[in-house]
Amino acid sequence: MSAVLTVKTLGSFSVRLGNTMISSDSARSQKVWRIFKRLITNRHKTVPIEALIETLWENDEPLDPQKSLYTLMSRLRKLLNADGEERNCILYQHNSYQWNPQIPINLDVADFENFIKQAETLHTDQEKMPLLKQALDLYDGDYLAESATEMWVIPITNYYKRLYLRSVIDLCDIYDRQGMMDEIIQLCGQALANEPFEEGLHERLIRTLFLNGETATAQQHYRRFIDLVHREFGAEPSEEFRAQFRGLWEHEAHQYDLEGIKRKLDGEITRSGAYFCTADIFNQIYLFDKRADERMKFPVFLALITIPIDHMDAQDSADMRFLKGAMITLRQILMRTLRRGDIVSQYSKNQFLLMLSAYHPKDAETALSRVKRMFISEYKDMEVEFQFSVAQIGNI
């Protein structure tokens, strides 16, 4: 059985023929592998000779560039046939070269993209999750990172970077729906190793740490990110980023009541001008508006659910683990019990804030009483409390 070419392009570049490494970063072979990178990147189409010459010699073009290109191409073909087997890896036609699509090749970036495309065709979180995890495991860093300054590489690098970041957020969203907070924290940490300045990842990580009861760690990460942006760019994080966490630590400091929350939200409504938000929040508002017709048939009520923690010790890991598990359980019950148009947000480590649609306040209270019964039944052998309050939006 003939050896298969295995090509790694994400994070670092290497080419193996079977178990033998045939690529090299020596100065003598750089131009040879630069040709290979251009051909493998454009493997589905031809690359004109002029484009390859421009790739190889931006400013110091030799006297006879076509002859020099031919010599380098011959060296590349020999390297790709280093095991003695003749492979016609590179085709020539109409003054252009192309990677032969008939040659089997294991290419990390192709697998990366295919896993993501497969996930997009599926419907359930359980089906999508393993494919997204496999895709993200392949992403060790930027595409052809050692060639990142070359003009032809930049748009390709940016394409795969966007695909990677979108897939990280998609997997975070799945973990979020499943109540897998620790997995979100781990995934964001891994993603930030690749994209240390991606504000959206820092925002997701800080908020998840906070909601996971790791307030001190969330605060430390928030301060570290501010220091990082200041040190590297001499600037501050965006106002939108800072607005996400303004008052967050105060939320932790004391427990809110529904009347106080309603006053705060009503105060936000009185602000004039347009509403500016992050892309993440814009997407969520769009999805909400798509569901809005279901809400317009009913009055809207604001509700606050609280799991009392007065008897808990914030320094006791067992108490905090219990609270975390109770909040995950409650969240799952809310998501499967409430109407499609209702909105649920974890407001603090022991409170959920809801927007409910119902004909009368008693209907909203009935829905929450049903949630309470389901929640209490999950902890029937343990002492756990559940409190809620309801107020109609627009009423004082």
Protein backbone atom coordinates (compact mmCIF):
# COMPACT_ATOMS: atom_id res chain seq x y z
CA MET A 1 0.00 0.00 0.00
CA SER A 2 1.46 3.35 -1.04
CA ALA A 3 2.28 5.97 1.57
CA VAL A 4 -0.17 8.84 1.96
CA LEU A 5 0.81 12.48 2.22
CA THR A 6 -0.18 14.09 5.53
CA VAL A 7 -0.13 17.89 5.57
CA LYS A 8 -0.44 20.10 8.64
CA THR A 9 -1.20 23.76 8.00
CA LEU A 10 -2.87 24.99 11.20
CA GLY A 11 -0.46 26.44 13.76
CA SER A 12 2.64 24.97 12.15
CA PHE A 13 3.45 23.57 8.73
CA SER A 14 4.70 20.06 8.03
CA VAL A 15 4.44 17.42 5.32
CA ARG A 16 4.87 13.69 5.95
CA LEU A 17 5.05 10.89 3.42
CA GLY A 18 3.84 7.92 5.40
CA ASN A 19 5.86 8.16 8.63
CA THR A 20 8.69 10.18 7.08
CA MET A 21 8.91 13.96 7.45
CA ILE A 22 9.80 15.39 4.04
CA SER A 23 9.26 19.10 4.69
CA SER A 24 12.04 21.31 5.99
CA ASP A 25 12.37 24.89 7.21
CA SER A 26 15.92 25.29 5.92
CA ALA A 27 16.63 28.43 3.88
CA ARG A 28 17.46 26.31 0.82
CA SER A 29 14.05 24.62 0.75
CA GLN A 30 11.84 27.59 1.67
CA LYS A 31 10.91 28.45 -1.92
CA VAL A 32 10.16 24.81 -2.74
CA TRP A 33 7.66 24.54 0.10
CA ARG A 34 6.26 27.99 -0.67
CA ILE A 35 5.18 26.58 -4.05
CA PHE A 36 3.62 23.60 -2.31
CA LYS A 37 1.70 25.83 0.12
CA ARG A 38 0.28 27.92 -2.73
CA LEU A 39 -0.78 24.84 -4.69
CA ILE A 40 -2.31 23.02 -1.72
CA THR A 41 -4.18 26.15 -0.62
CA ASN A 42 -5.62 26.52 -4.13
CA ARG A 43 -5.96 22.76 -4.62
CA HIS A 44 -9.37 23.04 -6.31
CA LYS A 45 -8.19 25.37 -9.06
CA THR A 46 -5.18 26.18 -11.22
CA VAL A 47 -2.49 28.66 -10.22
CA PRO A 48 -0.99 30.69 -13.11
CA ILE A 49 2.79 30.73 -13.47
CA GLU A 50 2.76 34.50 -12.94
CA ALA A 51 1.09 34.08 -9.56
CA LEU A 52 3.67 31.50 -8.46
CA ILE A 53 6.52 33.76 -9.59
CA GLU A 54 5.03 36.63 -7.60
CA THR A 55 4.73 34.33 -4.57
CA LEU A 56 8.38 33.30 -4.82
CA TRP A 57 10.01 36.60 -5.73
CA GLU A 58 8.18 39.72 -4.67
CA ASN A 59 11.10 42.11 -5.19
CA ASP A 60 14.17 40.11 -6.21
CA GLU A 61 12.94 38.33 -9.34
CA PRO A 62 15.76 36.36 -11.11
CA LEU A 63 16.79 36.97 -14.70
CA ASP A 64 14.82 33.95 -15.92
CA PRO A 65 12.02 33.40 -13.36
CA GLN A 66 10.22 30.73 -15.40
CA LYS A 67 13.36 28.60 -15.60
CA SER A 68 13.98 29.06 -11.87
CA LEU A 69 10.36 28.09 -11.17
CA TYR A 70 10.74 24.97 -13.31
CA THR A 71 13.86 23.96 -11.34
CA LEU A 72 12.07 24.45 -8.01
CA MET A 73 9.04 22.52 -9.26
CA SER A 74 11.29 19.59 -10.22
CA ARG A 75 12.77 19.56 -6.72
CA LEU A 76 9.28 19.61 -5.19
CA ARG A 77 8.15 16.67 -7.35
CA LYS A 78 11.19 14.64 -6.22
CA LEU A 79 10.43 15.36 -2.56
CA LEU A 80 6.82 14.26 -3.00
CA ASN A 81 8.09 10.99 -4.53
CA ALA A 82 10.81 10.47 -1.91
CA ASP A 83 9.73 6.87 -1.23
CA GLY A 84 10.46 5.88 -4.83
CA GLU A 85 6.85 5.71 -5.95
CA GLU A 86 5.89 7.86 -8.91
CA ARG A 87 3.06 10.22 -7.99
CA ASN A 88 1.92 12.78 -10.48
CA CYS A 89 1.06 15.24 -7.70
CA ILE A 90 1.36 18.41 -9.73
CA LEU A 91 -0.39 18.93 -13.07
CA TYR A 92 0.55 21.46 -15.72
CA GLN A 93 -1.90 22.91 -18.24
CA HIS A 94 -2.45 26.19 -20.05
CA ASN A 95 0.52 27.95 -18.47
CA SER A 96 -0.72 27.06 -14.98
CA TYR A 97 -0.01 24.46 -12.30
CA GLN A 98 -2.53 22.58 -10.17
CA TRP A 99 -2.49 20.03 -7.37
CA ASN A 100 -3.71 16.69 -8.75
CA PRO A 101 -7.11 16.02 -7.09
CA GLN A 102 -6.65 12.27 -7.70
CA ILE A 103 -3.72 12.09 -5.26
CA PRO A 104 -4.92 11.03 -1.77
CA ILE A 105 -3.90 13.46 0.94
CA ASN A 106 -4.65 13.94 4.63
CA LEU A 107 -5.04 17.70 5.05
CA ASP A 108 -5.89 19.08 8.49
CA VAL A 109 -7.60 22.22 7.23
CA ALA A 110 -9.86 20.19 4.91
CA ASP A 111 -10.91 17.96 7.81
CA PHE A 112 -11.42 21.06 9.97
CA GLU A 113 -13.78 22.62 7.43
CA ASN A 114 -15.60 19.36 6.69
CA PHE A 115 -16.37 18.68 10.37
CA ILE A 116 -17.91 22.15 10.69
CA LYS A 117 -19.95 21.78 7.50
CA GLN A 118 -21.26 18.41 8.67
CA ALA A 119 -22.27 19.93 12.01
CA GLU A 120 -24.23 22.63 10.18
CA THR A 121 -26.40 20.00 8.49
CA LEU A 122 -27.46 18.40 11.79
CA HIS A 123 -30.34 19.42 14.04
CA THR A 124 -29.58 18.39 17.62
CA ASP A 125 -26.90 19.53 20.06
CA GLN A 126 -25.96 15.91 20.72
CA GLU A 127 -25.21 15.37 17.02
CA LYS A 128 -23.35 18.64 16.50
CA MET A 129 -21.21 18.56 19.64
CA PRO A 130 -18.71 15.78 18.71
CA LEU A 131 -18.16 17.19 15.22
CA LEU A 132 -17.45 20.70 16.48
CA LYS A 133 -15.10 19.29 19.12
CA GLN A 134 -13.19 17.34 16.46
CA ALA A 135 -12.93 20.46 14.30
CA LEU A 136 -11.64 22.64 17.13
CA ASP A 137 -9.13 19.98 18.22
CA LEU A 138 -7.49 20.39 14.81
CA TYR A 139 -7.03 24.14 15.13
CA ASP A 140 -3.56 24.68 16.64
CA GLY A 141 -3.23 28.26 15.43
CA ASP A 142 -3.37 30.45 12.33
CA TYR A 143 -3.33 28.91 8.87
CA LEU A 144 0.28 28.80 7.59
CA ALA A 145 1.31 30.97 10.54
CA GLU A 146 4.94 31.14 9.41
CA SER A 147 3.76 32.74 6.13
CA ALA A 148 1.25 35.08 7.76
CA THR A 149 2.78 38.24 6.26
CA GLU A 150 2.48 37.07 2.65
CA MET A 151 -0.33 38.90 0.88
CA TRP A 152 -1.92 35.82 -0.70
CA VAL A 153 -2.07 34.05 2.70
CA ILE A 154 -3.79 36.83 4.68
CA PRO A 155 -7.38 36.40 3.36
CA ILE A 156 -7.17 32.60 3.75
CA THR A 157 -5.88 32.96 7.31
CA ASN A 158 -8.70 35.35 8.14
CA TYR A 159 -11.29 32.98 6.63
CA TYR A 160 -10.22 30.04 8.80
CA LYS A 161 -9.89 32.28 11.85
CA ARG A 162 -13.49 33.46 11.45
CA LEU A 163 -14.63 29.88 10.95
CA TYR A 164 -12.78 28.85 14.09
CA LEU A 165 -14.18 31.65 16.26
CA ARG A 166 -17.71 31.05 15.00
CA SER A 167 -17.39 27.34 15.84
CA VAL A 168 -16.06 28.14 19.32
CA ILE A 169 -19.13 30.31 19.96
CA ASP A 170 -21.45 27.65 18.50
CA LEU A 171 -19.98 25.00 20.81
CA CYS A 172 -20.16 27.40 23.77
CA ASP A 173 -23.84 27.95 22.98
CA ILE A 174 -24.42 24.19 22.97
CA TYR A 175 -22.60 23.81 26.28
CA ASP A 176 -24.64 26.73 27.61
CA ARG A 177 -27.93 25.08 26.68
CA GLN A 178 -26.78 21.87 28.34
CA GLY A 179 -25.66 23.67 31.51
CA MET A 180 -22.02 22.61 30.92
CA MET A 181 -20.37 25.66 32.48
CA ASP A 182 -16.99 24.02 33.18
CA GLU A 183 -16.74 23.00 29.52
CA ILE A 184 -17.36 26.61 28.42
CA ILE A 185 -14.58 27.81 30.72
CA GLN A 186 -12.16 25.20 29.38
CA LEU A 187 -13.06 25.87 25.74
CA CYS A 188 -12.72 29.66 26.09
CA GLY A 189 -9.33 29.17 27.77
CA GLN A 190 -8.13 27.02 24.88
CA ALA A 191 -9.48 29.45 22.28
CA LEU A 192 -7.80 32.42 23.97
CA ALA A 193 -4.46 30.62 23.66
CA ASN A 194 -4.96 30.97 19.89
CA GLU A 195 -6.73 34.35 19.89
CA PRO A 196 -5.57 36.23 23.02
CA PHE A 197 -7.11 39.57 21.96
CA GLU A 198 -10.56 38.31 20.95
CA GLU A 199 -12.82 40.43 23.13
CA GLY A 200 -15.90 38.23 22.67
CA LEU A 201 -14.07 35.19 24.10
CA HIS A 202 -12.93 37.15 27.16
CA GLU A 203 -16.49 38.39 27.67
CA ARG A 204 -17.91 34.85 27.45
CA LEU A 205 -15.29 33.47 29.83
CA ILE A 206 -15.71 36.20 32.45
CA ARG A 207 -19.49 35.92 32.47
CA THR A 208 -19.39 32.12 32.69
CA LEU A 209 -16.88 32.22 35.54
CA PHE A 210 -19.15 34.62 37.38
CA LEU A 211 -22.28 32.54 36.85
CA ASN A 212 -20.30 29.45 37.84
CA GLY A 213 -19.69 30.97 41.27
CA GLU A 214 -16.01 31.76 40.54
CA THR A 215 -16.38 35.48 41.17
CA ALA A 216 -12.79 36.16 42.25
CA THR A 217 -11.43 34.41 39.15
CA ALA A 218 -13.85 36.36 36.93
CA GLN A 219 -12.70 39.65 38.45
CA GLN A 220 -9.03 38.71 38.05
CA HIS A 221 -9.54 37.78 34.39
CA TYR A 222 -11.42 41.03 33.76
CA ARG A 223 -8.53 43.06 35.19
CA ARG A 224 -5.93 41.00 33.30
CA PHE A 225 -7.70 41.63 30.01
CA ILE A 226 -7.87 45.37 30.65
CA ASP A 227 -4.13 45.35 31.46
CA LEU A 228 -3.41 43.29 28.32
CA VAL A 229 -5.23 45.69 26.00
CA HIS A 230 -3.55 48.68 27.64
CA ARG A 231 -0.09 47.11 27.47
CA GLU A 232 -0.33 45.84 23.87
CA PHE A 233 -2.36 48.62 22.26
CA GLY A 234 -2.13 51.55 24.69
CA ALA A 235 -5.94 51.60 24.76
CA GLU A 236 -8.96 50.45 26.75
CA PRO A 237 -11.38 47.63 25.90
CA SER A 238 -14.46 48.81 24.03
CA GLU A 239 -17.25 50.58 25.87
CA GLU A 240 -19.53 47.72 24.89
CA PHE A 241 -17.23 45.23 26.63
CA ARG A 242 -16.99 47.29 29.81
CA ALA A 243 -20.76 47.90 29.78
CA GLN A 244 -21.34 44.14 29.91
CA PHE A 245 -19.69 44.00 33.32
CA ARG A 246 -20.59 47.36 34.77
CA GLY A 247 -22.25 46.56 38.06
CA LEU A 248 -21.69 42.81 37.69
CA TRP A 249 -19.67 42.51 40.87
CA GLU A 250 -22.31 44.56 42.69
CA HIS A 251 -24.89 41.99 41.58
CA GLU A 252 -22.76 39.44 43.39
CA ALA A 253 -22.57 41.54 46.52
CA HIS A 254 -26.25 41.47 47.33
CA GLN A 255 -29.47 39.82 46.28
CA TYR A 256 -31.88 41.86 44.15
CA ASP A 257 -35.62 42.13 44.53
CA LEU A 258 -37.98 42.38 41.56
CA GLU A 259 -39.02 45.98 42.26
CA GLY A 260 -35.37 47.13 42.30
CA ILE A 261 -34.62 45.33 39.05
CA LYS A 262 -37.73 46.78 37.39
CA ARG A 263 -36.75 50.34 38.41
CA LYS A 264 -33.28 49.81 36.96
CA LEU A 265 -34.61 48.43 33.66
CA ASP A 266 -37.25 51.17 33.37
CA GLY A 267 -34.45 53.70 33.83
CA GLU A 268 -32.63 52.18 30.83
CA ILE A 269 -35.75 52.57 28.67
CA THR A 270 -35.83 56.35 29.25
CA ARG A 271 -32.45 56.83 27.55
CA SER A 272 -32.72 58.64 24.22
CA GLY A 273 -31.13 57.66 20.94
CA ALA A 274 -30.38 54.30 19.37
CA TYR A 275 -29.31 51.24 21.32
CA PHE A 276 -25.72 50.14 20.70
CA CYS A 277 -24.78 46.53 21.47
CA THR A 278 -22.25 43.83 20.65
CA ALA A 279 -22.74 41.55 17.64
CA ASP A 280 -23.61 38.69 19.99
CA ILE A 281 -26.43 40.67 21.59
CA PHE A 282 -27.61 41.94 18.17
CA ASN A 283 -27.97 38.32 17.01
CA GLN A 284 -29.95 37.47 20.11
CA ILE A 285 -32.27 40.49 19.68
CA TYR A 286 -32.85 39.48 16.07
CA LEU A 287 -33.82 35.95 17.07
CA PHE A 288 -36.04 37.36 19.79
CA ASP A 289 -37.81 39.65 17.33
CA LYS A 290 -38.43 36.68 15.05
CA ARG A 291 -40.39 35.15 17.92
CA ALA A 292 -42.08 38.40 18.94
CA ASP A 293 -45.38 37.68 17.20
CA GLU A 294 -46.02 34.98 19.79
CA ARG A 295 -45.63 37.52 22.58
CA MET A 296 -47.76 40.26 21.09
CA LYS A 297 -50.94 38.30 21.84
CA PHE A 298 -50.37 38.59 25.59
CA PRO A 299 -49.29 41.11 28.23
CA VAL A 300 -45.66 40.71 29.26
CA PHE A 301 -44.59 40.04 32.84
CA LEU A 302 -41.23 40.35 34.54
CA ALA A 303 -40.49 37.54 37.00
CA LEU A 304 -37.64 36.87 39.40
CA ILE A 305 -36.81 33.40 40.71
CA THR A 306 -34.48 33.14 43.70
CA ILE A 307 -32.86 30.18 45.40
CA PRO A 308 -32.13 31.62 48.88
CA ILE A 309 -28.49 31.34 49.93
CA ASP A 310 -28.59 33.02 53.36
CA HIS A 311 -27.85 29.67 55.00
CA MET A 312 -24.99 28.85 52.61
CA ASP A 313 -21.29 29.56 53.12
CA ALA A 314 -19.68 31.19 50.07
CA GLN A 315 -16.33 29.73 51.15
CA ASP A 316 -17.74 26.21 51.45
CA SER A 317 -17.04 24.31 48.21
CA ALA A 318 -19.82 21.80 48.93
CA ASP A 319 -22.40 24.59 49.30
CA MET A 320 -21.23 26.24 46.08
CA ARG A 321 -21.28 22.95 44.16
CA PHE A 322 -24.84 22.35 45.38
CA LEU A 323 -25.93 25.85 44.30
CA LYS A 324 -24.30 25.45 40.90
CA GLY A 325 -26.06 22.11 40.34
CA ALA A 326 -29.40 23.53 41.52
CA MET A 327 -29.13 26.49 39.12
CA ILE A 328 -28.31 24.18 36.20
CA THR A 329 -31.30 21.96 37.07
CA LEU A 330 -33.59 24.97 37.37
CA ARG A 331 -32.39 26.39 34.09
CA GLN A 332 -33.09 23.11 32.28
CA ILE A 333 -36.61 22.99 33.76
CA LEU A 334 -37.28 26.59 32.69
CA MET A 335 -36.06 26.00 29.15
CA ARG A 336 -38.25 22.96 28.57
CA THR A 337 -41.33 24.24 30.44
CA LEU A 338 -41.87 27.87 29.41
CA ARG A 339 -43.34 29.21 26.15
CA ARG A 340 -41.18 29.50 23.04
CA GLY A 341 -41.39 33.32 23.18
CA ASP A 342 -40.39 33.62 26.85
CA ILE A 343 -36.94 34.86 27.84
CA VAL A 344 -34.71 33.50 30.61
CA SER A 345 -31.53 35.09 31.94
CA GLN A 346 -29.35 34.15 34.88
CA TYR A 347 -29.14 37.48 36.71
CA SER A 348 -26.85 36.43 39.54
CA LYS A 349 -25.40 33.23 40.88
CA ASN A 350 -28.70 32.34 42.60
CA GLN A 351 -31.35 34.24 40.60
CA PHE A 352 -33.06 33.98 37.21
CA LEU A 353 -34.81 36.95 35.59
CA LEU A 354 -37.63 36.11 33.18
CA MET A 355 -39.94 37.81 30.68
CA LEU A 356 -43.17 35.82 30.45
CA SER A 357 -46.23 36.16 28.24
CA ALA A 358 -49.61 35.43 29.85
CA TYR A 359 -53.20 36.73 29.87
CA HIS A 360 -53.19 37.54 33.60
CA PRO A 361 -50.66 37.72 36.45
CA LYS A 362 -52.19 34.55 37.88
CA ASP A 363 -51.37 32.70 34.66
CA ALA A 364 -47.70 33.71 35.01
CA GLU A 365 -47.78 32.68 38.66
CA THR A 366 -49.34 29.34 37.71
CA ALA A 367 -46.53 28.70 35.20
CA LEU A 368 -43.91 29.50 37.84
CA SER A 369 -45.67 27.36 40.43
CA ARG A 370 -45.45 24.47 37.97
CA VAL A 371 -41.71 25.14 37.56
CA LYS A 372 -41.37 25.24 41.35
CA ARG A 373 -43.08 21.85 41.78
CA MET A 374 -40.84 20.27 39.15
CA PHE A 375 -37.74 21.79 40.74
CA ILE A 376 -38.66 20.75 44.29
CA SER A 377 -39.38 17.20 43.07
CA GLU A 378 -35.79 17.00 41.79
CA TYR A 379 -34.61 17.65 45.36
CA LYS A 380 -37.36 15.84 47.30
CA ASP A 381 -34.84 14.25 49.66
CA MET A 382 -33.10 17.55 50.40
CA GLU A 383 -34.04 20.88 51.89
CA VAL A 384 -34.11 23.39 49.04
CA GLU A 385 -36.09 26.62 48.79
CA PHE A 386 -37.58 28.34 45.74
CA GLN A 387 -38.99 31.87 45.73
CA PHE A 388 -40.53 33.87 42.90
CA SER A 389 -42.24 37.22 42.31
CA VAL A 390 -44.09 38.61 39.28
CA ALA A 391 -44.81 42.15 37.99
CA GLN A 392 -46.44 43.26 34.74
CA ILE A 393 -44.20 45.31 32.47
CA GLY A 394 -45.59 48.84 32.08
CA ASN A 395 -47.27 48.81 35.48
CA ILE A 396 -45.80 50.50 38.54
